[in-house]
Amino acid sequence: MFQNAHYAILTAMLAPAFFLTATASLLLSANNRLARVVDRLRALLRELEEGRDDDEQILRIERRIRIQRRRSNLILRGSQLLYGSISFFVGTSLTVAIDAFLDYRLGYMPTALAVLGVLTMFAASLSLSREAALAVAALNEEMDHAHERARAMLDKS
């Protein structure tokens, strides 16, 4: 009978382990996205430092910097939520194991931790989704501007 309890505990700990893996993948993706934002911010700051006399160009660069700043804040918020998810999923696994040894006296604690883990993962996904939308909008704006400049150059020649 005691042998079967170990299998039941290990089986109950599998779901949080799968969520941990998914959360870790999202966290890796968020860190990679943050690195790209940092690289883009550095490039924009270099452009700003070049000191172009075109006020319209300076305003455009400053607007792009603000968008990158918003992106980095969304990624930070998403990452913090994902770290919270990891904590809740680890807590779920631990309380499942502890609960079995305490003859199931912890009640709904393992379930509550699992729900909190899923909710924070959901909130992180919403934050990262918003960041991805900002990234695409910024890219579209830059492409539109580059297209306008190319057309203006063609019209001059």
Protein backbone atom coordinates (compact mmCIF):
# COMPACT_ATOMS: atom_id res chain seq x y z
CA MET A 1 0.00 0.00 0.00
CA PHE A 2 2.80 2.42 0.94
CA GLN A 3 4.54 1.60 -2.35
CA ASN A 4 1.43 2.73 -4.28
CA ALA A 5 1.39 6.01 -2.36
CA HIS A 6 4.80 6.88 -3.80
CA TYR A 7 3.51 6.34 -7.34
CA ALA A 8 0.43 8.43 -6.60
CA ILE A 9 2.60 11.24 -5.26
CA LEU A 10 4.97 11.13 -8.23
CA THR A 11 2.04 11.08 -10.65
CA ALA A 12 0.45 14.08 -8.91
CA MET A 13 3.77 15.94 -9.18
CA LEU A 14 3.96 15.45 -12.97
CA ALA A 15 1.47 18.18 -13.91
CA PRO A 16 3.41 20.92 -12.10
CA ALA A 17 6.60 19.60 -13.72
CA PHE A 18 5.08 20.01 -17.19
CA PHE A 19 3.99 23.54 -16.30
CA LEU A 20 7.51 24.26 -15.03
CA THR A 21 8.93 23.22 -18.39
CA ALA A 22 6.47 25.40 -20.29
CA THR A 23 7.15 28.34 -17.98
CA ALA A 24 10.90 27.96 -18.38
CA SER A 25 10.51 27.99 -22.17
CA LEU A 26 8.46 31.19 -22.01
CA LEU A 27 11.04 32.74 -19.70
CA LEU A 28 13.85 31.89 -22.11
CA SER A 29 11.86 33.45 -24.93
CA ALA A 30 11.21 36.58 -22.85
CA ASN A 31 14.92 36.94 -22.05
CA ASN A 32 15.78 36.63 -25.75
CA ARG A 33 13.19 39.26 -26.60
CA LEU A 34 14.59 41.57 -23.95
CA ALA A 35 18.07 41.18 -25.45
CA ARG A 36 16.72 42.20 -28.87
CA VAL A 37 15.00 45.24 -27.34
CA VAL A 38 18.24 46.27 -25.62
CA ASP A 39 20.13 45.94 -28.91
CA ARG A 40 17.53 48.05 -30.70
CA LEU A 41 17.59 50.68 -27.96
CA ARG A 42 21.37 50.95 -28.20
CA ALA A 43 21.13 51.42 -31.98
CA LEU A 44 18.50 54.13 -31.55
CA LEU A 45 20.60 55.89 -28.93
CA ARG A 46 23.57 55.86 -31.34
CA GLU A 47 21.37 57.41 -34.02
CA LEU A 48 20.27 60.07 -31.56
CA GLU A 49 23.87 60.82 -30.58
CA GLU A 50 24.82 61.34 -34.23
CA GLY A 51 23.12 64.67 -33.74
CA ARG A 52 21.16 65.04 -36.91
CA ASP A 53 19.84 68.52 -37.48
CA ASP A 54 16.51 67.22 -38.70
CA ASP A 55 14.02 67.86 -35.88
CA GLU A 56 11.50 65.50 -37.45
CA GLN A 57 14.07 62.69 -37.47
CA ILE A 58 14.99 63.35 -33.83
CA LEU A 59 11.31 63.22 -32.83
CA ARG A 60 10.90 59.95 -34.75
CA ILE A 61 13.90 58.41 -32.96
CA GLU A 62 12.63 59.58 -29.56
CA ARG A 63 9.21 58.05 -30.32
CA ARG A 64 10.90 54.77 -31.23
CA ILE A 65 12.90 54.87 -27.99
CA ARG A 66 9.66 55.30 -26.00
CA ILE A 67 8.17 52.26 -27.74
CA GLN A 68 11.26 50.17 -26.95
CA ARG A 69 11.06 51.32 -23.35
CA ARG A 70 7.43 50.20 -23.15
CA ARG A 71 8.41 46.87 -24.69
CA SER A 72 11.16 46.34 -22.12
CA ASN A 73 8.74 47.12 -19.28
CA LEU A 74 6.19 44.61 -20.62
CA ILE A 75 8.89 41.96 -20.92
CA LEU A 76 10.06 42.71 -17.38
CA ARG A 77 6.51 42.38 -16.06
CA GLY A 78 6.04 39.14 -18.00
CA SER A 79 9.32 37.74 -16.69
CA GLN A 80 8.44 38.60 -13.11
CA LEU A 81 5.11 36.84 -13.50
CA LEU A 82 6.83 33.80 -15.01
CA TYR A 83 9.23 33.63 -12.05
CA GLY A 84 6.15 33.77 -9.82
CA SER A 85 4.64 30.91 -11.81
CA ILE A 86 7.76 28.84 -11.30
CA SER A 87 7.54 29.46 -7.56
CA PHE A 88 3.88 28.44 -7.46
CA PHE A 89 4.49 25.28 -9.48
CA VAL A 90 7.42 24.27 -7.27
CA GLY A 91 5.23 24.99 -4.26
CA THR A 92 2.53 22.80 -5.77
CA SER A 93 4.93 19.88 -6.15
CA LEU A 94 6.24 20.31 -2.62
CA THR A 95 2.79 20.54 -1.04
CA VAL A 96 1.61 17.46 -2.96
CA ALA A 97 4.50 15.48 -1.49
CA ILE A 98 4.17 16.94 2.01
CA ASP A 99 0.40 16.53 1.98
CA ALA A 100 0.70 12.78 1.39
CA PHE A 101 2.95 12.44 4.43
CA LEU A 102 0.55 14.50 6.56
CA ASP A 103 -2.39 12.27 5.63
CA TYR A 104 -3.84 14.96 3.36
CA ARG A 105 -4.26 17.68 5.97
CA LEU A 106 -3.26 20.55 3.69
CA GLY A 107 -6.67 20.58 2.05
CA TYR A 108 -6.81 22.71 -1.07
CA MET A 109 -3.32 24.21 -0.71
CA PRO A 110 -1.75 22.21 -3.58
CA THR A 111 -4.68 23.06 -5.82
CA ALA A 112 -4.60 26.73 -4.82
CA LEU A 113 -0.88 26.95 -5.61
CA ALA A 114 -1.44 25.27 -8.98
CA VAL A 115 -4.24 27.71 -9.82
CA LEU A 116 -2.05 30.66 -8.84
CA GLY A 117 0.73 29.28 -11.04
CA VAL A 118 -1.59 28.98 -14.02
CA LEU A 119 -3.06 32.46 -13.44
CA THR A 120 0.36 34.12 -13.23
CA MET A 121 1.43 32.24 -16.35
CA PHE A 122 -1.71 33.50 -18.11
CA ALA A 123 -1.00 37.09 -17.00
CA ALA A 124 2.59 36.77 -18.21
CA SER A 125 1.37 35.53 -21.58
CA LEU A 126 -0.91 38.56 -21.90
CA SER A 127 1.98 40.90 -21.09
CA LEU A 128 4.28 39.20 -23.60
CA SER A 129 1.50 39.22 -26.19
CA ARG A 130 1.16 43.00 -25.79
CA GLU A 131 4.93 43.35 -26.20
CA ALA A 132 4.86 41.30 -29.40
CA ALA A 133 2.11 43.57 -30.78
CA LEU A 134 4.25 46.63 -29.98
CA ALA A 135 7.23 45.01 -31.69
CA VAL A 136 5.27 44.41 -34.88
CA ALA A 137 3.81 47.94 -34.80
CA ALA A 138 7.30 49.41 -34.38
CA LEU A 139 8.64 47.31 -37.23
CA ASN A 140 5.77 48.35 -39.50
CA GLU A 141 6.35 52.02 -38.68
CA GLU A 142 10.05 51.71 -39.47
CA MET A 143 9.34 49.92 -42.75
CA ASP A 144 6.77 52.57 -43.74
CA HIS A 145 9.26 55.33 -42.98
CA ALA A 146 12.02 53.59 -44.95
CA HIS A 147 9.63 53.16 -47.86
CA GLU A 148 8.71 56.87 -47.74
CA ARG A 149 12.39 57.85 -47.77
CA ALA A 150 13.13 55.53 -50.70
CA ARG A 151 10.19 56.96 -52.67
CA ALA A 152 11.33 60.51 -51.90
CA MET A 153 14.86 59.66 -53.16
CA LEU A 154 13.40 58.19 -56.36
CA ASP A 155 11.23 61.25 -56.90
CA LYS A 156 14.28 63.53 -56.54
CA SER A 157 16.22 61.69 -59.22
